[in-house]
Amino acid sequence: MKHIYLLIDPINKIVRYVGATSNPKSRLNQHVKDASKPKKKGRTKKQEWILSLQKKGMIPEMKIICSEESKEKAREIEEQTVLKYIDTIFNIHMPGKGSLSINHFKKTGKTK
């Protein structure tokens, strides 16, 4: 079972990340843990955001928006959700598109 989720800023309620996981609690913990690890190449915007919340004693809110048995259907819903929140999220890649970046989509409007 894949769960499509949003990471939401607890201060302003803005959606900052869209993802899919089979274990929501573990995945949220992983996001939080990854943000506080030292990085050789620097942190992503998502990691910087989570770290800034941690400094205020907070973590992102995780909201499960749907659950799907089919991995293909879950990937489709995840991509649609990324497109819905494209202007506020810190995702780097389009779901299921390998190295296709969100920035590429923003520039070209193409998901392929």
PDB file of N, CA and C in Angstrom:
ATOM      1  N   MET A   1       0.849  -1.180   0.000  1.00  0.00           N
ATOM      2  CA  MET A   1       0.000   0.000   0.000  1.00  0.00           C
ATOM      3  C   MET A   1       0.889   1.236   0.000  1.00  0.00           C
ATOM      4  N   LYS A   2       0.652   2.112  -0.939  1.00  0.00           N
ATOM      5  CA  LYS A   2       1.372   3.387  -1.002  1.00  0.00           C
ATOM      6  C   LYS A   2       0.450   4.502  -0.516  1.00  0.00           C
ATOM      7  N   HIS A   3       1.005   5.337   0.347  1.00  0.00           N
ATOM      8  CA  HIS A   3       0.277   6.484   0.880  1.00  0.00           C
ATOM      9  C   HIS A   3       0.871   7.753   0.268  1.00  0.00           C
ATOM     10  N   ILE A   4       0.037   8.561  -0.357  1.00  0.00           N
ATOM     11  CA  ILE A   4       0.471   9.842  -0.898  1.00  0.00           C
ATOM     12  C   ILE A   4       0.296  10.860   0.226  1.00  0.00           C
ATOM     13  N   TYR A   5       1.357  11.643   0.464  1.00  0.00           N
ATOM     14  CA  TYR A   5       1.314  12.556   1.598  1.00  0.00           C
ATOM     15  C   TYR A   5       1.822  13.948   1.236  1.00  0.00           C
ATOM     16  N   LEU A   6       1.445  14.884   2.076  1.00  0.00           N
ATOM     17  CA  LEU A   6       1.914  16.260   1.989  1.00  0.00           C
ATOM     18  C   LEU A   6       2.694  16.559   3.258  1.00  0.00           C
ATOM     19  N   LEU A   7       3.783  17.321   3.130  1.00  0.00           N
ATOM     20  CA  LEU A   7       4.424  17.918   4.295  1.00  0.00           C
ATOM     21  C   LEU A   7       4.009  19.380   4.292  1.00  0.00           C
ATOM     22  N   ILE A   8       3.406  19.795   5.391  1.00  0.00           N
ATOM     23  CA  ILE A   8       2.802  21.118   5.493  1.00  0.00           C
ATOM     24  C   ILE A   8       3.519  21.927   6.566  1.00  0.00           C
ATOM     25  N   ASP A   9       3.743  23.186   6.263  1.00  0.00           N
ATOM     26  CA  ASP A   9       4.365  24.084   7.232  1.00  0.00           C
ATOM     27  C   ASP A   9       3.384  24.318   8.373  1.00  0.00           C
ATOM     28  N   PRO A  10       3.772  24.002   9.617  1.00  0.00           N
ATOM     29  CA  PRO A  10       2.840  24.174  10.738  1.00  0.00           C
ATOM     30  C   PRO A  10       2.568  25.636  11.098  1.00  0.00           C
ATOM     31  N   ILE A  11       3.391  26.537  10.585  1.00  0.00           N
ATOM     32  CA  ILE A  11       3.210  27.964  10.890  1.00  0.00           C
ATOM     33  C   ILE A  11       2.190  28.610   9.959  1.00  0.00           C
ATOM     34  N   ASN A  12       2.385  28.421   8.643  1.00  0.00           N
ATOM     35  CA  ASN A  12       1.514  29.108   7.683  1.00  0.00           C
ATOM     36  C   ASN A  12       0.608  28.170   6.873  1.00  0.00           C
ATOM     37  N   LYS A  13       0.717  26.859   7.153  1.00  0.00           N
ATOM     38  CA  LYS A  13      -0.125  25.822   6.522  1.00  0.00           C
ATOM     39  C   LYS A  13       0.106  25.679   5.019  1.00  0.00           C
ATOM     40  N   ILE A  14       1.249  26.109   4.519  1.00  0.00           N
ATOM     41  CA  ILE A  14       1.596  25.968   3.103  1.00  0.00           C
ATOM     42  C   ILE A  14       2.181  24.582   2.855  1.00  0.00           C
ATOM     43  N   VAL A  15       1.746  23.935   1.769  1.00  0.00           N
ATOM     44  CA  VAL A  15       2.283  22.629   1.388  1.00  0.00           C
ATOM     45  C   VAL A  15       3.693  22.839   0.850  1.00  0.00           C
ATOM     46  N   ARG A  16       4.656  22.113   1.436  1.00  0.00           N
ATOM     47  CA  ARG A  16       6.061  22.275   1.063  1.00  0.00           C
ATOM     48  C   ARG A  16       6.671  21.050   0.403  1.00  0.00           C
ATOM     49  N   TYR A  17       5.978  19.900   0.463  1.00  0.00           N
ATOM     50  CA  TYR A  17       6.542  18.687  -0.128  1.00  0.00           C
ATOM     51  C   TYR A  17       5.418  17.696  -0.393  1.00  0.00           C
ATOM     52  N   VAL A  18       5.544  16.960  -1.480  1.00  0.00           N
ATOM     53  CA  VAL A  18       4.609  15.892  -1.842  1.00  0.00           C
ATOM     54  C   VAL A  18       5.421  14.614  -1.983  1.00  0.00           C
ATOM     55  N   GLY A  19       4.932  13.535  -1.386  1.00  0.00           N
ATOM     56  CA  GLY A  19       5.655  12.274  -1.482  1.00  0.00           C
ATOM     57  C   GLY A  19       4.737  11.075  -1.405  1.00  0.00           C
ATOM     58  N   ALA A  20       5.353   9.887  -1.538  1.00  0.00           N
ATOM     59  CA  ALA A  20       4.638   8.616  -1.422  1.00  0.00           C
ATOM     60  C   ALA A  20       5.485   7.680  -0.580  1.00  0.00           C
ATOM     61  N   THR A  21       4.836   6.910   0.259  1.00  0.00           N
ATOM     62  CA  THR A  21       5.551   5.990   1.141  1.00  0.00           C
ATOM     63  C   THR A  21       4.644   4.840   1.548  1.00  0.00           C
ATOM     64  N   SER A  22       5.257   3.749   1.958  1.00  0.00           N
ATOM     65  CA  SER A  22       4.482   2.640   2.506  1.00  0.00           C
ATOM     66  C   SER A  22       4.448   2.707   4.036  1.00  0.00           C
ATOM     67  N   ASN A  23       5.280   3.588   4.619  1.00  0.00           N
ATOM     68  CA  ASN A  23       5.333   3.726   6.073  1.00  0.00           C
ATOM     69  C   ASN A  23       5.416   5.211   6.448  1.00  0.00           C
ATOM     70  N   PRO A  24       4.277   5.880   6.588  1.00  0.00           N
ATOM     71  CA  PRO A  24       4.264   7.330   6.833  1.00  0.00           C
ATOM     72  C   PRO A  24       5.065   7.785   8.056  1.00  0.00           C
ATOM     73  N   LYS A  25       4.905   7.114   9.176  1.00  0.00           N
ATOM     74  CA  LYS A  25       5.600   7.536  10.395  1.00  0.00           C
ATOM     75  C   LYS A  25       7.116   7.474  10.209  1.00  0.00           C
ATOM     76  N   SER A  26       7.591   6.384   9.644  1.00  0.00           N
ATOM     77  CA  SER A  26       9.020   6.222   9.405  1.00  0.00           C
ATOM     78  C   SER A  26       9.538   7.262   8.403  1.00  0.00           C
ATOM     79  N   ARG A  27       8.740   7.539   7.377  1.00  0.00           N
ATOM     80  CA  ARG A  27       9.161   8.498   6.351  1.00  0.00           C
ATOM     81  C   ARG A  27       9.250   9.906   6.924  1.00  0.00           C
ATOM     82  N   LEU A  28       8.295  10.302   7.754  1.00  0.00           N
ATOM     83  CA  LEU A  28       8.370  11.621   8.383  1.00  0.00           C
ATOM     84  C   LEU A  28       9.622  11.716   9.252  1.00  0.00           C
ATOM     85  N   ASN A  29       9.875  10.674  10.033  1.00  0.00           N
ATOM     86  CA  ASN A  29      11.079  10.666  10.862  1.00  0.00           C
ATOM     87  C   ASN A  29      12.341  10.768  10.020  1.00  0.00           C
ATOM     88  N   GLN A  30      12.345  10.124   8.863  1.00  0.00           N
ATOM     89  CA  GLN A  30      13.499  10.184   7.964  1.00  0.00           C
ATOM     90  C   GLN A  30      13.709  11.598   7.426  1.00  0.00           C
ATOM     91  N   HIS A  31      12.624  12.265   7.026  1.00  0.00           N
ATOM     92  CA  HIS A  31      12.735  13.659   6.556  1.00  0.00           C
ATOM     93  C   HIS A  31      13.370  14.534   7.643  1.00  0.00           C
ATOM     94  N   VAL A  32      12.881  14.388   8.871  1.00  0.00           N
ATOM     95  CA  VAL A  32      13.361  15.208   9.985  1.00  0.00           C
ATOM     96  C   VAL A  32      14.830  14.887  10.289  1.00  0.00           C
ATOM     97  N   LYS A  33      15.164  13.626  10.345  1.00  0.00           N
ATOM     98  CA  LYS A  33      16.537  13.208  10.638  1.00  0.00           C
ATOM     99  C   LYS A  33      17.508  13.674   9.548  1.00  0.00           C
ATOM    100  N   ASP A  34      17.104  13.524   8.284  1.00  0.00           N
ATOM    101  CA  ASP A  34      17.966  13.931   7.165  1.00  0.00           C
ATOM    102  C   ASP A  34      18.272  15.427   7.181  1.00  0.00           C
ATOM    103  N   ALA A  35      17.332  16.223   7.632  1.00  0.00           N
ATOM    104  CA  ALA A  35      17.527  17.678   7.631  1.00  0.00           C
ATOM    105  C   ALA A  35      18.619  18.112   8.599  1.00  0.00           C
ATOM    106  N   SER A  36      18.795  17.357   9.667  1.00  0.00           N
ATOM    107  CA  SER A  36      19.765  17.776  10.676  1.00  0.00           C
ATOM    108  C   SER A  36      21.164  17.179  10.489  1.00  0.00           C
ATOM    109  N   LYS A  37      21.317  16.299   9.507  1.00  0.00           N
ATOM    110  CA  LYS A  37      22.635  15.732   9.234  1.00  0.00           C
ATOM    111  C   LYS A  37      23.506  16.755   8.511  1.00  0.00           C
ATOM    112  N   PRO A  38      24.803  16.817   8.853  1.00  0.00           N
ATOM    113  CA  PRO A  38      25.710  17.702   8.103  1.00  0.00           C
ATOM    114  C   PRO A  38      25.788  17.247   6.636  1.00  0.00           C
ATOM    115  N   LYS A  39      25.865  18.200   5.723  1.00  0.00           N
ATOM    116  CA  LYS A  39      25.890  17.896   4.293  1.00  0.00           C
ATOM    117  C   LYS A  39      27.171  18.433   3.664  1.00  0.00           C
ATOM    118  N   LYS A  40      27.815  17.610   2.842  1.00  0.00           N
ATOM    119  CA  LYS A  40      29.020  18.043   2.132  1.00  0.00           C
ATOM    120  C   LYS A  40      28.679  19.049   1.043  1.00  0.00           C
ATOM    121  N   LYS A  41      27.567  18.821   0.352  1.00  0.00           N
ATOM    122  CA  LYS A  41      27.181  19.682  -0.767  1.00  0.00           C
ATOM    123  C   LYS A  41      26.155  20.737  -0.372  1.00  0.00           C
ATOM    124  N   GLY A  42      25.871  20.852   0.904  1.00  0.00           N
ATOM    125  CA  GLY A  42      24.847  21.794   1.347  1.00  0.00           C
ATOM    126  C   GLY A  42      23.489  21.123   1.412  1.00  0.00           C
ATOM    127  N   ARG A  43      22.556  21.784   2.032  1.00  0.00           N
ATOM    128  CA  ARG A  43      21.218  21.234   2.203  1.00  0.00           C
ATOM    129  C   ARG A  43      20.295  21.672   1.070  1.00  0.00           C
ATOM    130  N   THR A  44      19.272  20.847   0.841  1.00  0.00           N
ATOM    131  CA  THR A  44      18.230  21.216  -0.114  1.00  0.00           C
ATOM    132  C   THR A  44      17.319  22.245   0.547  1.00  0.00           C
ATOM    133  N   LYS A  45      16.461  22.872  -0.235  1.00  0.00           N
ATOM    134  CA  LYS A  45      15.496  23.822   0.333  1.00  0.00           C
ATOM    135  C   LYS A  45      14.579  23.133   1.336  1.00  0.00           C
ATOM    136  N   LYS A  46      14.193  21.896   1.033  1.00  0.00           N
ATOM    137  CA  LYS A  46      13.344  21.146   1.960  1.00  0.00           C
ATOM    138  C   LYS A  46      14.072  20.919   3.282  1.00  0.00           C
ATOM    139  N   GLN A  47      15.322  20.525   3.221  1.00  0.00           N
ATOM    140  CA  GLN A  47      16.096  20.297   4.441  1.00  0.00           C
ATOM    141  C   GLN A  47      16.289  21.587   5.232  1.00  0.00           C
ATOM    142  N   GLU A  48      16.559  22.680   4.544  1.00  0.00           N
ATOM    143  CA  GLU A  48      16.699  23.981   5.224  1.00  0.00           C
ATOM    144  C   GLU A  48      15.408  24.367   5.925  1.00  0.00           C
ATOM    145  N   TRP A  49      14.286  24.136   5.246  1.00  0.00           N
ATOM    146  CA  TRP A  49      12.979  24.455   5.820  1.00  0.00           C
ATOM    147  C   TRP A  49      12.733  23.624   7.083  1.00  0.00           C
ATOM    148  N   ILE A  50      12.961  22.315   6.995  1.00  0.00           N
ATOM    149  CA  ILE A  50      12.732  21.439   8.152  1.00  0.00           C
ATOM    150  C   ILE A  50      13.668  21.819   9.297  1.00  0.00           C
ATOM    151  N   LEU A  51      14.916  22.129   8.976  1.00  0.00           N
ATOM    152  CA  LEU A  51      15.871  22.542  10.003  1.00  0.00           C
ATOM    153  C   LEU A  51      15.406  23.829  10.693  1.00  0.00           C
ATOM    154  N   SER A  52      14.869  24.769   9.912  1.00  0.00           N
ATOM    155  CA  SER A  52      14.377  26.023  10.504  1.00  0.00           C
ATOM    156  C   SER A  52      13.196  25.755  11.435  1.00  0.00           C
ATOM    157  N   LEU A  53      12.363  24.784  11.090  1.00  0.00           N
ATOM    158  CA  LEU A  53      11.262  24.409  11.986  1.00  0.00           C
ATOM    159  C   LEU A  53      11.799  23.769  13.259  1.00  0.00           C
ATOM    160  N   GLN A  54      12.795  22.889  13.103  1.00  0.00           N
ATOM    161  CA  GLN A  54      13.371  22.219  14.273  1.00  0.00           C
ATOM    162  C   GLN A  54      13.947  23.230  15.264  1.00  0.00           C
ATOM    163  N   LYS A  55      14.547  24.280  14.744  1.00  0.00           N
ATOM    164  CA  LYS A  55      15.118  25.314  15.616  1.00  0.00           C
ATOM    165  C   LYS A  55      14.035  26.031  16.418  1.00  0.00           C
ATOM    166  N   LYS A  56      12.795  25.954  15.946  1.00  0.00           N
ATOM    167  CA  LYS A  56      11.656  26.552  16.650  1.00  0.00           C
ATOM    168  C   LYS A  56      10.897  25.503  17.455  1.00  0.00           C
ATOM    169  N   GLY A  57      11.467  24.292  17.524  1.00  0.00           N
ATOM    170  CA  GLY A  57      10.824  23.217  18.272  1.00  0.00           C
ATOM    171  C   GLY A  57       9.656  22.570  17.551  1.00  0.00           C
ATOM    172  N   MET A  58       9.633  22.669  16.219  1.00  0.00           N
ATOM    173  CA  MET A  58       8.533  22.123  15.426  1.00  0.00           C
ATOM    174  C   MET A  58       9.067  21.179  14.353  1.00  0.00           C
ATOM    175  N   ILE A  59       8.169  20.409  13.775  1.00  0.00           N
ATOM    176  CA  ILE A  59       8.462  19.604  12.591  1.00  0.00           C
ATOM    177  C   ILE A  59       7.294  19.779  11.622  1.00  0.00           C
ATOM    178  N   PRO A  60       7.469  19.377  10.363  1.00  0.00           N
ATOM    179  CA  PRO A  60       6.361  19.498   9.412  1.00  0.00           C
ATOM    180  C   PRO A  60       5.158  18.658   9.841  1.00  0.00           C
ATOM    181  N   GLU A  61       3.990  19.098   9.431  1.00  0.00           N
ATOM    182  CA  GLU A  61       2.787  18.286   9.597  1.00  0.00           C
ATOM    183  C   GLU A  61       2.702  17.372   8.384  1.00  0.00           C
ATOM    184  N   MET A  62       2.416  16.098   8.601  1.00  0.00           N
ATOM    185  CA  MET A  62       2.233  15.163   7.493  1.00  0.00           C
ATOM    186  C   MET A  62       0.744  14.878   7.365  1.00  0.00           C
ATOM    187  N   LYS A  63       0.248  15.040   6.147  1.00  0.00           N
ATOM    188  CA  LYS A  63      -1.160  14.749   5.880  1.00  0.00           C
ATOM    189  C   LYS A  63      -1.234  13.693   4.780  1.00  0.00           C
ATOM    190  N   ILE A  64      -1.824  12.551   5.085  1.00  0.00           N
ATOM    191  CA  ILE A  64      -2.034  11.509   4.079  1.00  0.00           C
ATOM    192  C   ILE A  64      -3.261  11.914   3.275  1.00  0.00           C
ATOM    193  N   ILE A  65      -3.084  12.049   1.954  1.00  0.00           N
ATOM    194  CA  ILE A  65      -4.228  12.480   1.138  1.00  0.00           C
ATOM    195  C   ILE A  65      -4.935  11.314   0.459  1.00  0.00           C
ATOM    196  N   CYS A  66      -4.230  10.183   0.288  1.00  0.00           N
ATOM    197  CA  CYS A  66      -4.875   8.981  -0.228  1.00  0.00           C
ATOM    198  C   CYS A  66      -3.937   7.794  -0.065  1.00  0.00           C
ATOM    199  N   SER A  67      -4.511   6.609  -0.177  1.00  0.00           N
ATOM    200  CA  SER A  67      -3.749   5.371  -0.102  1.00  0.00           C
ATOM    201  C   SER A  67      -4.164   4.488  -1.269  1.00  0.00           C
ATOM    202  N   GLU A  68      -3.184   3.901  -1.933  1.00  0.00           N
ATOM    203  CA  GLU A  68      -3.442   3.103  -3.136  1.00  0.00           C
ATOM    204  C   GLU A  68      -2.697   1.785  -3.081  1.00  0.00           C
ATOM    205  N   GLU A  69      -3.364   0.727  -3.491  1.00  0.00           N
ATOM    206  CA  GLU A  69      -2.721  -0.585  -3.620  1.00  0.00           C
ATOM    207  C   GLU A  69      -1.792  -0.606  -4.837  1.00  0.00           C
ATOM    208  N   SER A  70      -2.234   0.008  -5.918  1.00  0.00           N
ATOM    209  CA  SER A  70      -1.478   0.008  -7.170  1.00  0.00           C
ATOM    210  C   SER A  70      -0.354   1.047  -7.133  1.00  0.00           C
ATOM    211  N   LYS A  71       0.883   0.591  -7.341  1.00  0.00           N
ATOM    212  CA  LYS A  71       2.020   1.523  -7.371  1.00  0.00           C
ATOM    213  C   LYS A  71       1.877   2.513  -8.522  1.00  0.00           C
ATOM    214  N   GLU A  72       1.356   2.031  -9.653  1.00  0.00           N
ATOM    215  CA  GLU A  72       1.183   2.895 -10.823  1.00  0.00           C
ATOM    216  C   GLU A  72       0.164   4.007 -10.536  1.00  0.00           C
ATOM    217  N   LYS A  73      -0.949   3.639  -9.918  1.00  0.00           N
ATOM    218  CA  LYS A  73      -1.980   4.627  -9.577  1.00  0.00           C
ATOM    219  C   LYS A  73      -1.449   5.616  -8.540  1.00  0.00           C
ATOM    220  N   ALA A  74      -0.692   5.100  -7.580  1.00  0.00           N
ATOM    221  CA  ALA A  74      -0.104   5.974  -6.558  1.00  0.00           C
ATOM    222  C   ALA A  74       0.838   6.977  -7.201  1.00  0.00           C
ATOM    223  N   ARG A  75       1.670   6.529  -8.142  1.00  0.00           N
ATOM    224  CA  ARG A  75       2.615   7.413  -8.828  1.00  0.00           C
ATOM    225  C   ARG A  75       1.867   8.479  -9.620  1.00  0.00           C
ATOM    226  N   GLU A  76       0.779   8.088 -10.261  1.00  0.00           N
ATOM    227  CA  GLU A  76      -0.040   9.032 -11.033  1.00  0.00           C
ATOM    228  C   GLU A  76      -0.638  10.107 -10.117  1.00  0.00           C
ATOM    229  N   ILE A  77      -1.167   9.695  -8.986  1.00  0.00           N
ATOM    230  CA  ILE A  77      -1.754  10.649  -8.040  1.00  0.00           C
ATOM    231  C   ILE A  77      -0.674  11.552  -7.453  1.00  0.00           C
ATOM    232  N   GLU A  78       0.483  10.973  -7.153  1.00  0.00           N
ATOM    233  CA  GLU A  78       1.591  11.776  -6.632  1.00  0.00           C
ATOM    234  C   GLU A  78       1.995  12.851  -7.640  1.00  0.00           C
ATOM    235  N   GLU A  79       2.109  12.481  -8.910  1.00  0.00           N
ATOM    236  CA  GLU A  79       2.473  13.461  -9.937  1.00  0.00           C
ATOM    237  C   GLU A  79       1.410  14.553 -10.058  1.00  0.00           C
ATOM    238  N   GLN A  80       0.147  14.186 -10.066  1.00  0.00           N
ATOM    239  CA  GLN A  80      -0.933  15.175 -10.141  1.00  0.00           C
ATOM    240  C   GLN A  80      -0.878  16.128  -8.949  1.00  0.00           C
ATOM    241  N   THR A  81      -0.551  15.589  -7.790  1.00  0.00           N
ATOM    242  CA  THR A  81      -0.482  16.405  -6.581  1.00  0.00           C
ATOM    243  C   THR A  81       0.719  17.344  -6.627  1.00  0.00           C
ATOM    244  N   VAL A  82       1.847  16.855  -7.145  1.00  0.00           N
ATOM    245  CA  VAL A  82       3.017  17.729  -7.339  1.00  0.00           C
ATOM    246  C   VAL A  82       2.636  18.894  -8.239  1.00  0.00           C
ATOM    247  N   LEU A  83       1.951  18.620  -9.322  1.00  0.00           N
ATOM    248  CA  LEU A  83       1.554  19.685 -10.247  1.00  0.00           C
ATOM    249  C   LEU A  83       0.592  20.673  -9.579  1.00  0.00           C
ATOM    250  N   LYS A  84      -0.271  20.169  -8.713  1.00  0.00           N
ATOM    251  CA  LYS A  84      -1.220  21.043  -8.006  1.00  0.00           C
ATOM    252  C   LYS A  84      -0.493  22.034  -7.098  1.00  0.00           C
ATOM    253  N   TYR A  85       0.585  21.573  -6.460  1.00  0.00           N
ATOM    254  CA  TYR A  85       1.294  22.413  -5.487  1.00  0.00           C
ATOM    255  C   TYR A  85       2.653  22.897  -6.002  1.00  0.00           C
ATOM    256  N   ILE A  86       2.847  22.871  -7.286  1.00  0.00           N
ATOM    257  CA  ILE A  86       4.164  23.139  -7.886  1.00  0.00           C
ATOM    258  C   ILE A  86       4.765  24.484  -7.464  1.00  0.00           C
ATOM    259  N   ASP A  87       3.936  25.464  -7.180  1.00  0.00           N
ATOM    260  CA  ASP A  87       4.451  26.799  -6.840  1.00  0.00           C
ATOM    261  C   ASP A  87       4.924  26.943  -5.400  1.00  0.00           C
ATOM    262  N   THR A  88       4.602  25.963  -4.536  1.00  0.00           N
ATOM    263  CA  THR A  88       4.983  26.103  -3.128  1.00  0.00           C
ATOM    264  C   THR A  88       5.879  24.980  -2.608  1.00  0.00           C
ATOM    265  N   ILE A  89       6.055  23.912  -3.382  1.00  0.00           N
ATOM    266  CA  ILE A  89       6.794  22.762  -2.862  1.00  0.00           C
ATOM    267  C   ILE A  89       8.296  22.854  -3.120  1.00  0.00           C
ATOM    268  N   PHE A  90       9.028  22.096  -2.312  1.00  0.00           N
ATOM    269  CA  PHE A  90      10.481  22.020  -2.424  1.00  0.00           C
ATOM    270  C   PHE A  90      10.942  20.726  -3.087  1.00  0.00           C
ATOM    271  N   ASN A  91      10.028  19.941  -3.670  1.00  0.00           N
ATOM    272  CA  ASN A  91      10.435  18.734  -4.389  1.00  0.00           C
ATOM    273  C   ASN A  91      11.436  19.105  -5.469  1.00  0.00           C
ATOM    274  N   ILE A  92      12.372  18.187  -5.731  1.00  0.00           N
ATOM    275  CA  ILE A  92      13.397  18.429  -6.743  1.00  0.00           C
ATOM    276  C   ILE A  92      13.044  17.740  -8.059  1.00  0.00           C
ATOM    277  N   HIS A  93      12.511  16.511  -7.988  1.00  0.00           N
ATOM    278  CA  HIS A  93      12.225  15.720  -9.187  1.00  0.00           C
ATOM    279  C   HIS A  93      10.743  15.430  -9.330  1.00  0.00           C
ATOM    280  N   MET A  94      10.315  15.243 -10.568  1.00  0.00           N
ATOM    281  CA  MET A  94       8.952  14.818 -10.835  1.00  0.00           C
ATOM    282  C   MET A  94       8.837  13.344 -10.463  1.00  0.00           C
ATOM    283  N   PRO A  95       7.747  12.927  -9.828  1.00  0.00           N
ATOM    284  CA  PRO A  95       7.582  11.522  -9.458  1.00  0.00           C
ATOM    285  C   PRO A  95       7.623  10.600 -10.666  1.00  0.00           C
ATOM    286  N   GLY A  96       8.408   9.546 -10.571  1.00  0.00           N
ATOM    287  CA  GLY A  96       8.461   8.537 -11.629  1.00  0.00           C
ATOM    288  C   GLY A  96       9.114   8.983 -12.912  1.00  0.00           C
ATOM    289  N   LYS A  97       9.760  10.127 -12.922  1.00  0.00           N
ATOM    290  CA  LYS A  97      10.364  10.648 -14.155  1.00  0.00           C
ATOM    291  C   LYS A  97      11.884  10.630 -14.096  1.00  0.00           C
ATOM    292  N   GLY A  98      12.442   9.867 -13.175  1.00  0.00           N
ATOM    293  CA  GLY A  98      13.901   9.779 -13.081  1.00  0.00           C
ATOM    294  C   GLY A  98      14.518  11.116 -12.747  1.00  0.00           C
ATOM    295  N   SER A  99      15.361  11.597 -13.630  1.00  0.00           N
ATOM    296  CA  SER A  99      16.086  12.840 -13.347  1.00  0.00           C
ATOM    297  C   SER A  99      15.361  14.104 -13.816  1.00  0.00           C
ATOM    298  N   LEU A 100      14.148  13.962 -14.331  1.00  0.00           N
ATOM    299  CA  LEU A 100      13.404  15.147 -14.773  1.00  0.00           C
ATOM    300  C   LEU A 100      13.099  16.027 -13.572  1.00  0.00           C
ATOM    301  N   SER A 101      13.586  17.247 -13.621  1.00  0.00           N
ATOM    302  CA  SER A 101      13.445  18.117 -12.457  1.00  0.00           C
ATOM    303  C   SER A 101      12.163  18.945 -12.498  1.00  0.00           C
ATOM    304  N   ILE A 102      11.777  19.382 -11.324  1.00  0.00           N
ATOM    305  CA  ILE A 102      10.641  20.297 -11.190  1.00  0.00           C
ATOM    306  C   ILE A 102      10.944  21.586 -11.951  1.00  0.00           C
ATOM    307  N   ASN A 103      12.189  22.046 -11.877  1.00  0.00           N
ATOM    308  CA  ASN A 103      12.570  23.270 -12.586  1.00  0.00           C
ATOM    309  C   ASN A 103      12.371  23.119 -14.086  1.00  0.00           C
ATOM    310  N   HIS A 104      12.677  21.938 -14.639  1.00  0.00           N
ATOM    311  CA  HIS A 104      12.449  21.680 -16.070  1.00  0.00           C
ATOM    312  C   HIS A 104      10.959  21.858 -16.388  1.00  0.00           C
ATOM    313  N   PHE A 105      10.107  21.284 -15.532  1.00  0.00           N
ATOM    314  CA  PHE A 105       8.669  21.420 -15.761  1.00  0.00           C
ATOM    315  C   PHE A 105       8.251  22.877 -15.694  1.00  0.00           C
ATOM    316  N   LYS A 106       8.750  23.602 -14.698  1.00  0.00           N
ATOM    317  CA  LYS A 106       8.372  25.008 -14.558  1.00  0.00           C
ATOM    318  C   LYS A 106       8.784  25.823 -15.779  1.00  0.00           C
ATOM    319  N   LYS A 107       9.932  25.484 -16.377  1.00  0.00           N
ATOM    320  CA  LYS A 107      10.407  26.218 -17.550  1.00  0.00           C
ATOM    321  C   LYS A 107       9.690  25.821 -18.834  1.00  0.00           C
ATOM    322  N   THR A 108       9.385  24.500 -18.975  1.00  0.00           N
ATOM    323  CA  THR A 108       8.862  24.015 -20.249  1.00  0.00           C
ATOM    324  C   THR A 108       7.395  23.626 -20.211  1.00  0.00           C
ATOM    325  N   GLY A 109       6.881  23.356 -19.012  1.00  0.00           N
ATOM    326  CA  GLY A 109       5.517  22.873 -18.899  1.00  0.00           C
ATOM    327  C   GLY A 109       5.364  21.416 -19.296  1.00  0.00           C
ATOM    328  N   LYS A 110       6.490  20.710 -19.492  1.00  0.00           N
ATOM    329  CA  LYS A 110       6.462  19.310 -19.941  1.00  0.00           C
ATOM    330  C   LYS A 110       6.887  18.387 -18.808  1.00  0.00           C
ATOM    331  N   THR A 111       6.147  17.290 -18.667  1.00  0.00           N
ATOM    332  CA  THR A 111       6.486  16.290 -17.654  1.00  0.00           C
ATOM    333  C   THR A 111       7.268  15.132 -18.255  1.00  0.00           C
ATOM    334  N   LYS A 112       7.642  15.241 -19.513  1.00  0.00           N
ATOM    335  CA  LYS A 112       8.419  14.177 -20.180  1.00  0.00           C
ATOM    336  C   LYS A 112       9.616  14.760 -20.872  1.00  0.00           C
TER     337      LYS A 112
END
